[in-house]
């Protein structure tokens, strides 16, 4: 794929600039739609295709691409009835406690590898918070993106880490050191986790204790930061 980036003609670059402007004007409105719109704008970049090409070199991930696997539909109330400590129970309790909708993300038709990767990432993202041990606040989210970036070259993770640094330095400079520490923790943890989170069929793990999943994946959890 040939993609010469310029200020005037690159959709991804222009979307990033607009994304920064929009989020700077409304940094705490809780609306995630701009994130997904921004991610969609990155489809035509060379990095998006390179991410797919690299991931398909991993046999387990290549199988997912071939199958177009996505998690089977689930209900939080049903998952909450599973034994304490299992992935399904912990996930459901955390999601319900925060008032999160597991299907909050923007859906796109799966028509090629890039659109499939987006839906795979979007539909499993919240599970990563539980398994990798990152909070769902702003700093925790960027820490998780650093973890993902270390494991998987997904364009949106690159952009969100850089975006988090820009926005924190501008609007919450007192938290910049905490942010960088969480980015470092996330990248280190992701780099030293041998099995890819994106390669897992997560709906097969609902009844498995989180601690066993971490051991299976080789996640040597670095101490989670204390939330002020």
C-alpha atoms as a PDB file:
ATOM      1  CA  UNK A   1       0.000   0.000   0.000  1.00  0.00           C
ATOM      2  CA  UNK A   2       1.350   3.411  -0.975  1.00  0.00           C
ATOM      3  CA  UNK A   3       0.348   6.229   1.310  1.00  0.00           C
ATOM      4  CA  UNK A   4       2.162   9.574   1.174  1.00  0.00           C
ATOM      5  CA  UNK A   5       1.096  11.590   4.200  1.00  0.00           C
ATOM      6  CA  UNK A   6       0.557  15.289   3.697  1.00  0.00           C
ATOM      7  CA  UNK A   7      -1.426  17.827   5.674  1.00  0.00           C
ATOM      8  CA  UNK A   8      -3.803  18.451   2.791  1.00  0.00           C
ATOM      9  CA  UNK A   9      -4.713  14.981   1.558  1.00  0.00           C
ATOM     10  CA  UNK A  10      -4.253  12.405   4.299  1.00  0.00           C
ATOM     11  CA  UNK A  11      -7.584  11.419   5.836  1.00  0.00           C
ATOM     12  CA  UNK A  12      -5.977   9.803   8.873  1.00  0.00           C
ATOM     13  CA  UNK A  13      -3.829  12.821   9.671  1.00  0.00           C
ATOM     14  CA  UNK A  14      -6.672  15.278   9.239  1.00  0.00           C
ATOM     15  CA  UNK A  15      -8.899  13.089  11.403  1.00  0.00           C
ATOM     16  CA  UNK A  16      -6.250  13.045  14.126  1.00  0.00           C
ATOM     17  CA  UNK A  17      -5.985  16.820  14.099  1.00  0.00           C
ATOM     18  CA  UNK A  18      -9.769  17.184  14.257  1.00  0.00           C
ATOM     19  CA  UNK A  19      -9.911  14.539  16.987  1.00  0.00           C
ATOM     20  CA  UNK A  20      -7.433  16.483  19.100  1.00  0.00           C
ATOM     21  CA  UNK A  21      -9.394  19.690  18.596  1.00  0.00           C
ATOM     22  CA  UNK A  22     -12.752  18.125  19.433  1.00  0.00           C
ATOM     23  CA  UNK A  23     -11.495  16.359  22.544  1.00  0.00           C
ATOM     24  CA  UNK A  24      -9.633  19.450  23.705  1.00  0.00           C
ATOM     25  CA  UNK A  25     -12.869  21.422  23.585  1.00  0.00           C
ATOM     26  CA  UNK A  26     -14.799  18.672  25.413  1.00  0.00           C
ATOM     27  CA  UNK A  27     -12.174  16.590  27.258  1.00  0.00           C
ATOM     28  CA  UNK A  28     -14.525  15.006  29.814  1.00  0.00           C
ATOM     29  CA  UNK A  29     -17.838  14.505  28.072  1.00  0.00           C
ATOM     30  CA  UNK A  30     -17.596  10.707  28.155  1.00  0.00           C
ATOM     31  CA  UNK A  31     -18.582  10.336  24.493  1.00  0.00           C
ATOM     32  CA  UNK A  32     -16.532   7.594  22.855  1.00  0.00           C
ATOM     33  CA  UNK A  33     -17.942   8.031  19.336  1.00  0.00           C
ATOM     34  CA  UNK A  34     -15.041  10.277  18.216  1.00  0.00           C
ATOM     35  CA  UNK A  35     -12.607   7.497  19.141  1.00  0.00           C
ATOM     36  CA  UNK A  36     -14.331   5.032  16.841  1.00  0.00           C
ATOM     37  CA  UNK A  37     -14.788   7.602  14.072  1.00  0.00           C
ATOM     38  CA  UNK A  38     -11.092   8.375  14.337  1.00  0.00           C
ATOM     39  CA  UNK A  39     -10.213   4.683  14.195  1.00  0.00           C
ATOM     40  CA  UNK A  40     -12.347   4.287  11.069  1.00  0.00           C
ATOM     41  CA  UNK A  41     -10.419   7.141   9.457  1.00  0.00           C
ATOM     42  CA  UNK A  42      -7.188   5.215   9.973  1.00  0.00           C
ATOM     43  CA  UNK A  43      -8.342   2.321   7.768  1.00  0.00           C
ATOM     44  CA  UNK A  44      -6.657   3.704   4.662  1.00  0.00           C
ATOM     45  CA  UNK A  45      -3.254   4.208   6.294  1.00  0.00           C
ATOM     46  CA  UNK A  46      -0.312   1.951   5.629  1.00  0.00           C
ATOM     47  CA  UNK A  47      -0.041   1.177   9.345  1.00  0.00           C
ATOM     48  CA  UNK A  48      -3.503  -0.452   9.353  1.00  0.00           C
ATOM     49  CA  UNK A  49      -2.499  -2.925   6.657  1.00  0.00           C
ATOM     50  CA  UNK A  50       0.880  -3.557   8.267  1.00  0.00           C
ATOM     51  CA  UNK A  51      -0.890  -4.366  11.548  1.00  0.00           C
ATOM     52  CA  UNK A  52      -3.012  -6.973   9.786  1.00  0.00           C
ATOM     53  CA  UNK A  53      -0.005  -8.423   7.968  1.00  0.00           C
ATOM     54  CA  UNK A  54       2.000  -8.769  11.193  1.00  0.00           C
ATOM     55  CA  UNK A  55      -0.863 -10.297  13.145  1.00  0.00           C
ATOM     56  CA  UNK A  56      -1.592 -12.874  10.459  1.00  0.00           C
ATOM     57  CA  UNK A  57       1.949 -14.180  10.874  1.00  0.00           C
ATOM     58  CA  UNK A  58       0.836 -15.517  14.267  1.00  0.00           C
ATOM     59  CA  UNK A  59      -0.877 -18.887  13.633  1.00  0.00           C
ATOM     60  CA  UNK A  60      -3.524 -18.488  16.350  1.00  0.00           C
ATOM     61  CA  UNK A  61      -4.449 -14.997  15.156  1.00  0.00           C
ATOM     62  CA  UNK A  62      -4.407 -16.029  11.509  1.00  0.00           C
ATOM     63  CA  UNK A  63      -6.966 -18.704  12.431  1.00  0.00           C
ATOM     64  CA  UNK A  64      -9.226 -16.040  13.908  1.00  0.00           C
ATOM     65  CA  UNK A  65      -8.945 -14.002  10.715  1.00  0.00           C
ATOM     66  CA  UNK A  66      -9.822 -17.059   8.653  1.00  0.00           C
ATOM     67  CA  UNK A  67     -12.824 -17.909  10.853  1.00  0.00           C
ATOM     68  CA  UNK A  68     -13.882 -14.267  11.373  1.00  0.00           C
ATOM     69  CA  UNK A  69     -14.463 -15.263  15.003  1.00  0.00           C
ATOM     70  CA  UNK A  70     -16.189 -12.789  17.304  1.00  0.00           C
ATOM     71  CA  UNK A  71     -17.449 -13.422  20.859  1.00  0.00           C
ATOM     72  CA  UNK A  72     -20.837 -15.078  21.152  1.00  0.00           C
ATOM     73  CA  UNK A  73     -23.569 -12.807  22.592  1.00  0.00           C
ATOM     74  CA  UNK A  74     -23.687 -12.773  26.391  1.00  0.00           C
ATOM     75  CA  UNK A  75     -25.683 -11.293  29.255  1.00  0.00           C
ATOM     76  CA  UNK A  76     -24.024  -9.651  32.249  1.00  0.00           C
ATOM     77  CA  UNK A  77     -26.634 -10.989  34.664  1.00  0.00           C
ATOM     78  CA  UNK A  78     -25.880 -14.545  33.541  1.00  0.00           C
ATOM     79  CA  UNK A  79     -22.127 -14.036  33.810  1.00  0.00           C
ATOM     80  CA  UNK A  80     -22.515 -12.555  37.301  1.00  0.00           C
ATOM     81  CA  UNK A  81     -23.930 -15.902  38.477  1.00  0.00           C
ATOM     82  CA  UNK A  82     -20.676 -17.715  37.685  1.00  0.00           C
ATOM     83  CA  UNK A  83     -18.339 -18.584  40.602  1.00  0.00           C
ATOM     84  CA  UNK A  84     -16.412 -15.721  42.163  1.00  0.00           C
ATOM     85  CA  UNK A  85     -12.984 -15.188  40.654  1.00  0.00           C
ATOM     86  CA  UNK A  86     -13.917 -16.515  37.229  1.00  0.00           C
ATOM     87  CA  UNK A  87     -13.469 -14.224  34.258  1.00  0.00           C
ATOM     88  CA  UNK A  88     -17.193 -14.031  33.592  1.00  0.00           C
ATOM     89  CA  UNK A  89     -18.066 -13.174  37.199  1.00  0.00           C
ATOM     90  CA  UNK A  90     -15.315 -10.575  37.633  1.00  0.00           C
ATOM     91  CA  UNK A  91     -16.062  -9.012  34.256  1.00  0.00           C
ATOM     92  CA  UNK A  92     -19.800  -8.789  34.908  1.00  0.00           C
ATOM     93  CA  UNK A  93     -19.400  -7.348  38.407  1.00  0.00           C
ATOM     94  CA  UNK A  94     -16.911  -4.727  37.209  1.00  0.00           C
ATOM     95  CA  UNK A  95     -19.027  -3.722  34.222  1.00  0.00           C
ATOM     96  CA  UNK A  96     -22.215  -3.478  36.287  1.00  0.00           C
ATOM     97  CA  UNK A  97     -20.480  -1.540  39.071  1.00  0.00           C
ATOM     98  CA  UNK A  98     -19.294   1.069  36.572  1.00  0.00           C
ATOM     99  CA  UNK A  99     -22.539   1.167  34.625  1.00  0.00           C
ATOM    100  CA  UNK A 100     -20.777   0.103  31.440  1.00  0.00           C
ATOM    101  CA  UNK A 101     -22.595  -1.349  28.438  1.00  0.00           C
ATOM    102  CA  UNK A 102     -20.546  -4.243  27.005  1.00  0.00           C
ATOM    103  CA  UNK A 103     -21.958  -3.423  23.575  1.00  0.00           C
ATOM    104  CA  UNK A 104     -21.187   0.285  23.700  1.00  0.00           C
ATOM    105  CA  UNK A 105     -18.815   0.204  20.761  1.00  0.00           C
ATOM    106  CA  UNK A 106     -19.558   1.288  17.199  1.00  0.00           C
ATOM    107  CA  UNK A 107     -20.333  -1.653  14.918  1.00  0.00           C
ATOM    108  CA  UNK A 108     -18.957  -1.840  11.391  1.00  0.00           C
ATOM    109  CA  UNK A 109     -19.620  -4.432   8.670  1.00  0.00           C
ATOM    110  CA  UNK A 110     -16.867  -7.039   8.486  1.00  0.00           C
ATOM    111  CA  UNK A 111     -15.933  -6.842   4.813  1.00  0.00           C
ATOM    112  CA  UNK A 112     -12.161  -7.336   4.942  1.00  0.00           C
ATOM    113  CA  UNK A 113      -9.277  -8.024   7.338  1.00  0.00           C
ATOM    114  CA  UNK A 114      -9.023  -4.437   8.566  1.00  0.00           C
ATOM    115  CA  UNK A 115     -12.712  -4.180   9.463  1.00  0.00           C
ATOM    116  CA  UNK A 116     -12.535  -7.601  11.127  1.00  0.00           C
ATOM    117  CA  UNK A 117      -9.567  -6.535  13.244  1.00  0.00           C
ATOM    118  CA  UNK A 118     -11.500  -3.480  14.413  1.00  0.00           C
ATOM    119  CA  UNK A 119     -14.524  -5.542  15.463  1.00  0.00           C
ATOM    120  CA  UNK A 120     -12.304  -8.136  17.137  1.00  0.00           C
ATOM    121  CA  UNK A 121     -10.565  -5.404  19.109  1.00  0.00           C
ATOM    122  CA  UNK A 122     -13.727  -3.490  19.964  1.00  0.00           C
ATOM    123  CA  UNK A 123     -15.709  -6.521  21.115  1.00  0.00           C
ATOM    124  CA  UNK A 124     -12.974  -7.853  23.429  1.00  0.00           C
ATOM    125  CA  UNK A 125     -11.349  -4.645  24.684  1.00  0.00           C
ATOM    126  CA  UNK A 126     -13.115  -4.465  28.058  1.00  0.00           C
ATOM    127  CA  UNK A 127     -12.026  -8.019  28.874  1.00  0.00           C
ATOM    128  CA  UNK A 128      -8.408  -6.892  28.525  1.00  0.00           C
ATOM    129  CA  UNK A 129      -8.868  -4.510  31.449  1.00  0.00           C
ATOM    130  CA  UNK A 130      -9.725  -7.445  33.710  1.00  0.00           C
ATOM    131  CA  UNK A 131      -7.093  -9.879  32.477  1.00  0.00           C
ATOM    132  CA  UNK A 132      -4.184  -7.423  32.210  1.00  0.00           C
ATOM    133  CA  UNK A 133      -5.145  -5.546  35.380  1.00  0.00           C
ATOM    134  CA  UNK A 134      -5.682  -1.964  34.214  1.00  0.00           C
ATOM    135  CA  UNK A 135      -8.259   0.419  35.628  1.00  0.00           C
ATOM    136  CA  UNK A 136     -10.891   1.962  33.366  1.00  0.00           C
ATOM    137  CA  UNK A 137     -10.128   5.603  34.195  1.00  0.00           C
ATOM    138  CA  UNK A 138      -8.216   7.810  31.761  1.00  0.00           C
ATOM    139  CA  UNK A 139      -4.733   6.864  32.921  1.00  0.00           C
ATOM    140  CA  UNK A 140      -5.607   3.184  33.222  1.00  0.00           C
ATOM    141  CA  UNK A 141      -7.001   3.201  29.692  1.00  0.00           C
ATOM    142  CA  UNK A 142      -3.807   4.649  28.257  1.00  0.00           C
ATOM    143  CA  UNK A 143      -1.791   2.124  30.256  1.00  0.00           C
ATOM    144  CA  UNK A 144      -3.807  -0.669  28.671  1.00  0.00           C
ATOM    145  CA  UNK A 145      -3.284   0.866  25.237  1.00  0.00           C
ATOM    146  CA  UNK A 146       0.468   0.738  25.893  1.00  0.00           C
ATOM    147  CA  UNK A 147       0.104  -2.953  26.814  1.00  0.00           C
ATOM    148  CA  UNK A 148      -1.784  -3.595  23.565  1.00  0.00           C
ATOM    149  CA  UNK A 149       0.736  -1.587  21.571  1.00  0.00           C
ATOM    150  CA  UNK A 150       3.564  -3.752  22.898  1.00  0.00           C
ATOM    151  CA  UNK A 151       1.710  -6.893  21.798  1.00  0.00           C
ATOM    152  CA  UNK A 152      -0.173  -5.715  18.747  1.00  0.00           C
ATOM    153  CA  UNK A 153       0.624  -2.860  16.315  1.00  0.00           C
ATOM    154  CA  UNK A 154      -2.945  -1.539  16.208  1.00  0.00           C
ATOM    155  CA  UNK A 155      -3.004   2.039  14.850  1.00  0.00           C
ATOM    156  CA  UNK A 156      -5.603   3.303  17.314  1.00  0.00           C
ATOM    157  CA  UNK A 157      -3.438   2.255  20.270  1.00  0.00           C
ATOM    158  CA  UNK A 158      -0.507   4.263  18.911  1.00  0.00           C
ATOM    159  CA  UNK A 159      -2.710   7.298  18.490  1.00  0.00           C
ATOM    160  CA  UNK A 160      -4.445   7.018  21.865  1.00  0.00           C
ATOM    161  CA  UNK A 161      -1.146   6.745  23.746  1.00  0.00           C
ATOM    162  CA  UNK A 162       0.143   9.848  21.990  1.00  0.00           C
ATOM    163  CA  UNK A 163      -3.206  11.584  22.466  1.00  0.00           C
ATOM    164  CA  UNK A 164      -3.202  10.749  26.173  1.00  0.00           C
ATOM    165  CA  UNK A 165       0.220  12.304  26.579  1.00  0.00           C
ATOM    166  CA  UNK A 166      -0.813  15.478  24.743  1.00  0.00           C
ATOM    167  CA  UNK A 167      -4.097  15.931  26.606  1.00  0.00           C
ATOM    168  CA  UNK A 168      -2.651  15.154  30.033  1.00  0.00           C
ATOM    169  CA  UNK A 169       0.262  17.539  29.556  1.00  0.00           C
ATOM    170  CA  UNK A 170      -2.147  20.297  28.500  1.00  0.00           C
ATOM    171  CA  UNK A 171      -5.049  19.786  30.895  1.00  0.00           C
ATOM    172  CA  UNK A 172      -3.785  17.667  33.804  1.00  0.00           C
ATOM    173  CA  UNK A 173      -0.039  18.291  34.005  1.00  0.00           C
ATOM    174  CA  UNK A 174       0.089  17.203  37.658  1.00  0.00           C
ATOM    175  CA  UNK A 175      -0.895  13.691  36.481  1.00  0.00           C
ATOM    176  CA  UNK A 176       1.663  13.467  33.678  1.00  0.00           C
ATOM    177  CA  UNK A 177       4.207  11.550  35.771  1.00  0.00           C
ATOM    178  CA  UNK A 178       1.536   9.027  36.809  1.00  0.00           C
ATOM    179  CA  UNK A 179       0.515   8.650  33.176  1.00  0.00           C
ATOM    180  CA  UNK A 180       4.062   7.975  32.026  1.00  0.00           C
ATOM    181  CA  UNK A 181       4.541   5.428  34.806  1.00  0.00           C
ATOM    182  CA  UNK A 182       1.394   3.613  33.683  1.00  0.00           C
ATOM    183  CA  UNK A 183       2.469   3.722  30.044  1.00  0.00           C
ATOM    184  CA  UNK A 184       5.843   2.257  31.034  1.00  0.00           C
ATOM    185  CA  UNK A 185       4.142  -0.440  33.127  1.00  0.00           C
ATOM    186  CA  UNK A 186       1.753  -1.302  30.329  1.00  0.00           C
ATOM    187  CA  UNK A 187       4.396  -1.489  27.626  1.00  0.00           C
ATOM    188  CA  UNK A 188       6.717  -3.567  29.793  1.00  0.00           C
ATOM    189  CA  UNK A 189       3.942  -5.948  30.806  1.00  0.00           C
ATOM    190  CA  UNK A 190       2.760  -6.342  27.225  1.00  0.00           C
ATOM    191  CA  UNK A 191       6.303  -6.903  25.977  1.00  0.00           C
ATOM    192  CA  UNK A 192       6.880  -9.686  28.498  1.00  0.00           C
ATOM    193  CA  UNK A 193       3.561 -11.460  28.022  1.00  0.00           C
ATOM    194  CA  UNK A 194       4.345 -14.258  25.549  1.00  0.00           C
ATOM    195  CA  UNK A 195       0.796 -15.098  24.476  1.00  0.00           C
ATOM    196  CA  UNK A 196      -1.218 -12.481  22.625  1.00  0.00           C
ATOM    197  CA  UNK A 197      -4.450 -11.348  24.236  1.00  0.00           C
ATOM    198  CA  UNK A 198      -5.928 -10.699  20.805  1.00  0.00           C
ATOM    199  CA  UNK A 199      -5.374 -14.360  19.866  1.00  0.00           C
ATOM    200  CA  UNK A 200      -7.767 -15.701  22.522  1.00  0.00           C
ATOM    201  CA  UNK A 201     -11.374 -16.777  22.060  1.00  0.00           C
ATOM    202  CA  UNK A 202     -12.505 -15.064  25.226  1.00  0.00           C
ATOM    203  CA  UNK A 203     -16.013 -16.492  25.394  1.00  0.00           C
ATOM    204  CA  UNK A 204     -14.384 -19.872  26.067  1.00  0.00           C
ATOM    205  CA  UNK A 205     -12.832 -18.532  29.276  1.00  0.00           C
ATOM    206  CA  UNK A 206     -15.868 -17.170  31.132  1.00  0.00           C
ATOM    207  CA  UNK A 207     -15.811 -20.017  33.662  1.00  0.00           C
ATOM    208  CA  UNK A 208     -12.028 -20.011  34.136  1.00  0.00           C
ATOM    209  CA  UNK A 209     -10.531 -18.167  37.153  1.00  0.00           C
ATOM    210  CA  UNK A 210      -8.761 -14.957  36.153  1.00  0.00           C
ATOM    211  CA  UNK A 211      -5.631 -16.034  38.022  1.00  0.00           C
ATOM    212  CA  UNK A 212      -5.428 -19.201  35.894  1.00  0.00           C
ATOM    213  CA  UNK A 213      -5.897 -17.222  32.690  1.00  0.00           C
ATOM    214  CA  UNK A 214      -3.039 -14.907  33.640  1.00  0.00           C
ATOM    215  CA  UNK A 215      -0.803 -17.879  34.358  1.00  0.00           C
ATOM    216  CA  UNK A 216      -1.754 -19.498  31.047  1.00  0.00           C
ATOM    217  CA  UNK A 217      -0.978 -16.343  29.091  1.00  0.00           C
ATOM    218  CA  UNK A 218       2.231 -15.682  30.985  1.00  0.00           C
ATOM    219  CA  UNK A 219       1.136 -12.339  32.424  1.00  0.00           C
ATOM    220  CA  UNK A 220       3.603 -11.559  35.189  1.00  0.00           C
ATOM    221  CA  UNK A 221       1.464  -8.798  36.652  1.00  0.00           C
ATOM    222  CA  UNK A 222       3.354  -5.726  37.747  1.00  0.00           C
ATOM    223  CA  UNK A 223       1.685  -4.085  40.744  1.00  0.00           C
ATOM    224  CA  UNK A 224      -1.401  -2.197  39.659  1.00  0.00           C
ATOM    225  CA  UNK A 225      -1.240   1.462  40.485  1.00  0.00           C
ATOM    226  CA  UNK A 226      -3.260   2.808  43.385  1.00  0.00           C
ATOM    227  CA  UNK A 227      -6.188   4.947  42.259  1.00  0.00           C
ATOM    228  CA  UNK A 228      -6.236   8.287  44.075  1.00  0.00           C
END
